[in-house]
Amino acid sequence: MEGRRSAEEVIARVEELARPLADQLGLELVEVEYRYGGDYLRVFIDRPGGGACMEDCSRMSRRLSAELDAFDPIPHPYNLEVSSPGSDRPLKSQNDYLRHVGKLARLVLTQPLDGQPVLTGYIGELQNGMLRVGLREGESVWLPLAQIRKARLEIELKKQTKKGPHTKE
């Protein structure tokens, strides 16, 4: 590797190496995390239509490790971690939003909406770079995707009944 690369440059290079490998394995590259000088490189993958399993993570780790050894984008020792993003996965692309229509998401905005920098709502339709978000109060708002700095699925907790685990219904 020539010169020192920023964390963003390392992430971009790792994404270039990892995306075709994920595609070959029928997986989706969700996110790459790296902090310059850090001792870890985290790669999150998912399987469209269902979550990535341990075997998916293991296969991706072996293939990506070989690519990283060959192209050496990180000049110091580090640990490679490949895992599933979990049920509170980040949303990065238009396809992510389309795949998760109807699910609850937490959106961090570049500009506050009605004084709120963070919005939690249900992902709705996507049209012309605008996302409809259903709010809990029954109303919805349209946001330009460019106004969403970060987005992550939220885990919805099911309402519990007053009945205990041993009571009859």
Protein backbone atom coordinates (compact mmCIF):
# COMPACT_ATOMS: atom_id res chain seq x y z
CA MET A 1 0.00 0.00 0.00
CA GLU A 2 1.35 3.40 -0.90
CA GLY A 3 0.99 6.16 1.69
CA ARG A 4 -1.51 6.38 4.48
CA ARG A 5 -5.17 5.92 3.55
CA SER A 6 -8.00 7.49 5.50
CA ALA A 7 -10.65 5.31 7.12
CA GLU A 8 -13.05 6.32 4.33
CA GLU A 9 -10.56 5.22 1.67
CA VAL A 10 -10.01 1.87 3.42
CA ILE A 11 -13.77 1.33 3.72
CA ALA A 12 -14.28 2.17 0.03
CA ARG A 13 -11.50 -0.26 -1.00
CA VAL A 14 -12.86 -3.04 1.23
CA GLU A 15 -16.34 -2.47 -0.23
CA GLU A 16 -14.86 -2.80 -3.76
CA LEU A 17 -13.31 -6.13 -2.79
CA ALA A 18 -16.24 -7.46 -0.74
CA ARG A 19 -19.23 -6.56 -2.93
CA PRO A 20 -18.44 -8.98 -5.81
CA LEU A 21 -17.60 -11.75 -3.33
CA ALA A 22 -20.93 -11.25 -1.57
CA ASP A 23 -22.72 -11.28 -4.93
CA GLN A 24 -21.02 -14.57 -5.88
CA LEU A 25 -22.25 -16.12 -2.62
CA GLY A 26 -25.82 -14.84 -3.08
CA LEU A 27 -25.33 -12.34 -0.26
CA GLU A 28 -25.65 -8.61 0.13
CA LEU A 29 -22.91 -6.38 1.51
CA VAL A 30 -24.66 -4.20 4.10
CA GLU A 31 -21.91 -2.19 5.74
CA VAL A 32 -18.17 -1.99 6.40
CA GLU A 33 -16.86 -0.49 9.64
CA TYR A 34 -13.27 0.57 10.16
CA ARG A 35 -11.57 3.28 12.18
CA TYR A 36 -8.06 4.27 11.04
CA GLY A 37 -5.46 2.73 13.31
CA GLY A 38 -8.13 0.46 14.78
CA ASP A 39 -7.56 -3.22 15.32
CA TYR A 40 -10.78 -4.39 13.67
CA LEU A 41 -12.48 -4.45 10.31
CA ARG A 42 -16.17 -5.34 10.52
CA VAL A 43 -18.10 -6.46 7.48
CA PHE A 44 -21.86 -6.95 7.70
CA ILE A 45 -23.62 -9.19 5.21
CA ASP A 46 -27.20 -10.32 4.76
CA ARG A 47 -29.03 -12.84 2.64
CA PRO A 48 -31.89 -11.27 0.67
CA GLY A 49 -35.17 -12.82 1.76
CA GLY A 50 -33.70 -14.19 4.98
CA GLY A 51 -30.87 -13.58 7.39
CA ALA A 52 -27.29 -14.65 6.80
CA CYS A 53 -26.31 -17.77 8.75
CA MET A 54 -23.00 -18.70 10.39
CA GLU A 55 -21.90 -20.65 7.31
CA ASP A 56 -22.53 -17.57 5.12
CA CYS A 57 -20.37 -15.48 7.45
CA SER A 58 -17.64 -18.12 7.52
CA ARG A 59 -17.50 -18.48 3.71
CA MET A 60 -17.45 -14.72 3.23
CA SER A 61 -14.75 -14.34 5.86
CA ARG A 62 -12.48 -16.91 4.17
CA ARG A 63 -12.90 -15.38 0.71
CA LEU A 64 -12.55 -11.78 1.86
CA SER A 65 -9.53 -12.60 4.01
CA ALA A 66 -7.73 -13.95 0.93
CA GLU A 67 -8.59 -10.79 -1.04
CA LEU A 68 -7.45 -8.54 1.79
CA ASP A 69 -4.17 -10.44 2.06
CA ALA A 70 -3.60 -10.01 -1.69
CA PHE A 71 -4.47 -6.30 -1.88
CA ASP A 72 -3.41 -5.23 1.65
CA PRO A 73 -5.56 -2.10 2.17
CA ILE A 74 -4.75 -1.94 5.91
CA PRO A 75 -1.06 -1.50 6.77
CA HIS A 76 -1.15 -2.94 10.31
CA PRO A 77 -2.48 -6.06 12.05
CA TYR A 78 -6.27 -6.16 12.52
CA ASN A 79 -9.09 -8.60 13.16
CA LEU A 80 -11.63 -9.29 10.42
CA GLU A 81 -15.16 -9.82 11.69
CA VAL A 82 -17.91 -10.88 9.29
CA SER A 83 -21.43 -11.02 10.67
CA SER A 84 -25.10 -10.41 10.02
CA PRO A 85 -26.32 -6.89 10.79
CA GLY A 86 -29.08 -8.20 13.04
CA SER A 87 -32.69 -7.13 13.12
CA ASP A 88 -31.77 -3.47 13.73
CA ARG A 89 -29.76 -3.27 10.52
CA PRO A 90 -28.77 0.01 8.90
CA LEU A 91 -30.57 1.16 5.77
CA LYS A 92 -28.15 2.51 3.18
CA SER A 93 -29.70 2.27 -0.28
CA GLN A 94 -33.03 2.73 -2.01
CA ASN A 95 -33.25 -1.06 -2.26
CA ASP A 96 -32.90 -1.31 1.54
CA TYR A 97 -35.92 0.96 1.99
CA LEU A 98 -37.93 -0.90 -0.65
CA ARG A 99 -37.11 -4.26 0.94
CA HIS A 100 -38.27 -3.09 4.36
CA VAL A 101 -41.53 -1.29 3.55
CA GLY A 102 -43.86 -1.43 6.54
CA LYS A 103 -41.07 -1.82 9.09
CA LEU A 104 -40.26 0.62 11.87
CA ALA A 105 -37.10 2.69 11.36
CA ARG A 106 -35.17 5.38 13.20
CA LEU A 107 -34.03 8.15 10.86
CA VAL A 108 -31.37 10.71 11.76
CA LEU A 109 -31.95 13.77 9.61
CA THR A 110 -29.48 16.28 8.17
CA GLN A 111 -31.99 19.04 8.96
CA PRO A 112 -34.54 18.81 11.78
CA LEU A 113 -38.18 18.29 10.84
CA ASP A 114 -40.46 20.38 13.05
CA GLY A 115 -37.52 20.82 15.41
CA GLN A 116 -36.83 17.06 15.61
CA PRO A 117 -33.42 15.83 14.38
CA VAL A 118 -34.50 12.18 14.74
CA LEU A 119 -37.69 10.67 13.38
CA THR A 120 -39.11 7.22 14.12
CA GLY A 121 -41.73 5.86 11.79
CA TYR A 122 -42.79 3.16 9.37
CA ILE A 123 -41.13 2.94 5.98
CA GLY A 124 -43.57 3.62 3.20
CA GLU A 125 -43.34 4.04 -0.53
CA LEU A 126 -40.39 5.55 -2.36
CA GLN A 127 -40.94 7.87 -5.31
CA ASN A 128 -38.54 10.15 -7.15
CA GLY A 129 -35.97 10.18 -4.35
CA MET A 130 -38.63 10.84 -1.70
CA LEU A 131 -39.52 8.43 1.11
CA ARG A 132 -42.91 8.37 2.81
CA VAL A 133 -42.62 7.73 6.53
CA GLY A 134 -45.71 6.76 8.52
CA LEU A 135 -45.70 8.28 11.98
CA ARG A 136 -47.20 6.60 15.02
CA GLU A 137 -49.92 9.23 15.24
CA GLY A 138 -51.36 7.97 11.96
CA GLU A 139 -50.02 10.77 9.78
CA SER A 140 -47.16 10.51 7.31
CA VAL A 141 -44.44 12.77 5.95
CA TRP A 142 -42.41 12.71 2.75
CA LEU A 143 -38.66 13.12 3.14
CA PRO A 144 -35.98 13.48 0.49
CA LEU A 145 -33.54 10.57 0.84
CA ALA A 146 -30.76 13.17 0.80
CA GLN A 147 -32.15 14.52 4.10
CA ILE A 148 -31.63 11.16 5.84
CA ARG A 149 -28.11 11.05 7.30
CA LYS A 150 -28.48 7.63 8.97
CA ALA A 151 -31.28 5.11 9.09
CA ARG A 152 -31.63 1.90 11.06
CA LEU A 153 -34.46 -0.58 11.50
CA GLU A 154 -35.93 -0.55 14.99
CA ILE A 155 -36.92 -3.64 16.86
CA GLU A 156 -40.65 -3.56 17.56
CA LEU A 157 -41.60 -5.00 20.89
CA LYS A 158 -44.88 -6.84 20.89
CA LYS A 159 -47.41 -5.72 23.44
CA GLN A 160 -47.59 -8.11 26.35
CA THR A 161 -50.86 -9.21 27.80
CA LYS A 162 -51.57 -9.08 31.51
CA LYS A 163 -51.73 -12.85 31.58
CA GLY A 164 -48.67 -14.60 32.89
CA PRO A 165 -46.94 -17.54 31.25
CA HIS A 166 -48.92 -20.09 33.28
CA THR A 167 -52.42 -18.65 33.02
CA LYS A 168 -55.04 -20.14 30.74
CA GLU A 169 -56.55 -18.02 28.00
